[in-house]
Each structure stands twice: as C-alpha cells, then as structure tokens.
Amino acid sequence: MSIDDIKANSKNAIAIGPFGSRMKSDCYVESGVAVIRGTNLSTDPEFVGDFVYITEEKADELVGCNVYEGDLVFPHRGAIGEVGIVSDKSRYVLSSSLMKLTCNLELANPQFIYYFFKSRIGRYELLKNASQVGTPGIGQPLSSLKSIKLRLPPLEIQEEVAATIGQLNSKISLNRRTNQTLEQIAQTLFKSWFVDFDPVRAKVAVREYFERCAAEQGEPMPSSADLEKAQNNAAAATIAGLTFDPADIDGTRKLLESKLAGLEVEQRKQLMETAALFSGKIMEPGKDEYPEGWSWGYLSEVCSLNSTSWTKKNAPNQICYVDLANTKNGEIHRVENFNWEDAPSRARRVLNPGDTIVGTVRPGNRSYARIGRYNTGLTGSTGFAVLTPKAPHWVEFLYVAATCDEAIERLAHLADGGAYPAVKPNVVVDAELIIPPDSVAERFSALISPMFERIDTNNQSSKTLAELRDLLLPKLLSGEIQLNQEAPQKAS
C-alpha cells in the first residue's frame, strides 16, 4: 500500500507547513500553541528542545497545518529523513519546513508507521527524492510522501509490533530523563559552590551575626574554635540543602543535627569535612568578588585544548566519527564508522574518556557532550573544541563550567560569520571564571563522579537497547519475526 492509501479520510490528512510569509517570526508569542520545527525532532518519538508559540487565533487561521495526537511530522527541507509523532493530546502547528500525515486508524497504526519511517527502508524512502545541493530539500514533498509504499500487516499485528518496539523506546526515554535529572543536580551544585558561593556566604553570615551582637548588644565574641564550629555547621547545612537563617544559629545547628542523625557515619564525616574546605571570607566584595584562597582565571587553566589529532602518519585504518549534527545537549546520538581514506576531512580530533567537546560552529545549537568511560576510540570533528582536563579531579568541573547555559550563551553571542556563525576554539577556553582550590574541586569531583558514572551506564544500556530495537525493527516490519506465535505442540 502507499502512504496515500492509508491517509485519513479527512481534509489536510497529508499537508505541508505554511509559507514563511504566513508565519513570520513576529507571529511568535510567549505562550499559546506550540510550533513544531525541525530542531524539535530527535532520534526518539518525543519532541525535544524549546518550542516557539503562536496565538490560538493564528493557529485557527493555519488550521490545515495543525497536528494532533498520532499525527506524524516530516521535514521536507533541512533534516530530511527524520520523523516525529505527536504523542500527547496537545494541539501543535507545523513550521514551514515540515509536512504531516494523519493516518486512517482503521488501516494503519500511527506508531507502526512511525517505526517504519525510522527503519532503514523508511529512511531511504524519505531521502530518495531529496536534493543535497545547498540546504537539503524535496522538490515535490507531498507527492513524494504520498507515493511511498510499504508492506502493511493486519492492524493487530501493527499494534503488537508498535508495542514491542515502544517498550524498548520507553526504557531508552527513561534512561534519558534520569540522565537529565542527574545533570541538573550537578549543575545546581556547581552553581551553589562556584557561582553563588553559598557555603562561603553562610560562614560570612555567621561571623557577621556574632560581630553585630557584640557591637549592638555588647555580647562577647565566641572563641575562635566555637566560631569556626558554628561557621562549619552553617556551611554544612547549606551544602546539605537545609534552610540557613544567619539570625538563628541555634536553629541551624538543630536542623543540621537532625539531618546528620539520618546519615551514615562516613556520610556525616564527609559532609563536615566538605564544609571545612570552604573559606569564611569574601575577597573584593562587589562585582569581581571571590572566596579567600580562590582566584579569577580562565578555563584554559584547568584543561588543554585540542591536544591530540590524527594525521596521515598516525591515523588508524578505521575511525568512529562524532560530528556536530549528531551531538546535542550532552548526548552523542550517532557514531559513524569510516575507513580513514573515506572519512570526512573534518574527522581529526582524538577523543578520550573525560574530555568535554563543545561545538564551535553555531554554538547556540548546543552541540556539546562529555566523553564517557565507555566512549573509547572516538574521533571528533574539527568543529569541536576538545577540552582535556589537566587532572582527573577537574573532569566534572570542566564539563559543567564549559557547557552551562551561561557558557553556551556567551559563545552564541561571540559567534560571527553571517550564514556560518562560529567561534575559534580558543574562545571556548578563554572563558573567565572563578577557579577553586584543588581540594574543593576534588570534593566536587567525588560527589559528582558517581552521577556521571550512572549516566555512562544508562547511556550504555540505551545503546544496547537501541541496537536490539534496530535489529528487531526490520524483521518485525517485514514479518520475518512474528509475535505471539503459539509454541508447537509436543508429539504425544
């Protein structure tokens, strides 16, 4: 059957996004109906990244471009070969570079059709009429989509195939969400320690409290040992995520004691030791302030830049290539294998576990990732700045510092070049920031590295699941493997 045969019996079941003149950027509002763009499509069914919005009235005006639950969306310009599916009950609108398919539910399961287009055959069908000259595009996108043919099994078989593949995808999605949560925890801790200086400020607040009591009420200052103990309690409370009130030192102490009572002995010890690592003084209060014992510096002080590259003399016979297009928001979505002679000329950077890679071309696209412990033998594009930590305890600090929102926004702001905005790799490591002492960086690494190891394990699990999915998918679609077959009866 053809795609045209399985479209819904409704107007605009197959339709293309609006002309650009009907939905210019000045139509966008802060909230309303989300517009799906090519950047929202990913390797998984869920949409990713930020949406832009238009008003309900504008969405009504573009009714033929509205998409709903179960509708499939395809780029006809740009990222051709990708496909997405609306999996919630929200209304969306196509951007001008997309087209859509609404399936006839009496003939076709939308999830099955989605997985068909994710298969090698489906992707080939989407790409076969595309022009790769300039921006990739399909000359007659709707005609091309309608003419695609596929083998369509009975509806119940489609549903079983979709459910089987969907279970694998659900596990992959769960791993991704877990990883995102772990990264957010790392970013939150980084900001608390190295941007807001919360433990340091807690210590400063305790000292100022006692000084104020002495000046205003004539109370004696506590001994150095008691002051230090109160300051460490305040810093520990802050590190443990407790509410710290500098005017209620005893209250803070009691909160901390309650928190500590629920921890193992070793955890209590580590928390108090961590608190003791932070100084109790802010230097140069104001815009350029920093904790005592820390210093202003540059990212280059904790990493080397593009330290190793392949040449014709030392290159391996085969390479596993990572490019910018397949790297986004901390994830490497695809690795391509090449013989050295056939590899893109940009495939030169040697990547090792612990490295951080940051895309220098269109840096606002957030093409960055950390090379995990299982990512051995990779080669990156020269479009990446490859940052190698100067010591193991800088791995986590380096990754968060180089890829936090502020760092990426800085690169996007500095990028120039008109149609090809980019920054030079050294711009990435020229970022100015506060450098903590090794002892604080080591403790940050000790806290965050188990999270990064969990992320690496989840990524490895997702890779295995994806390989199984990709192995099963063509066999299930072709009928080579049939589900729920009854086991043959044993001969009596």
Foldseek 3Di string as FASTA:
>chain_A
DFLLVFFAPDPLLKWAADPCVLPPPVQWDPDAAWEDDPQQFDLAQGGDDDTTHGHPVSCVVRVSQKDAALKKKAFQWAPFLTIYGHHDGGIHGYHRRMIIHHGHLQFARSLLVNLCSSAPVNSCLRPVQWDPPDTIGHPPNRVSRRGDDADGDHHVLSVVLSVVLVVLSVLLVVLVVLLVVLVVVLLVLCCCCFPVVVLQVQLLLLQVLQVCCCVPVVDDRDDPVVSLVLSLLSSLCVSVVHDHDSNCSVVSNVVSVVVLVPDDPVVSVLSSVLSNQFANDWPPPDDPIDGPQWDKDWLCVFWPKLPFWDDPVRDDQKAFEFEQVQAADADRNGTDMDGPVPDPPQQIGADDQLKKKQFFKLSLRHRIHGQHHVNHRHTYGVRITIIHGPDNLCSSVSNSVLRPPVNSVVSNVPFDDVVTTGDDSVVSRRDMGMGHDPVNSNSSCVVSVVSRVSSVVSVVVSVVSVVVSNVVSVCSSVVVDGPPDDDDDDDD
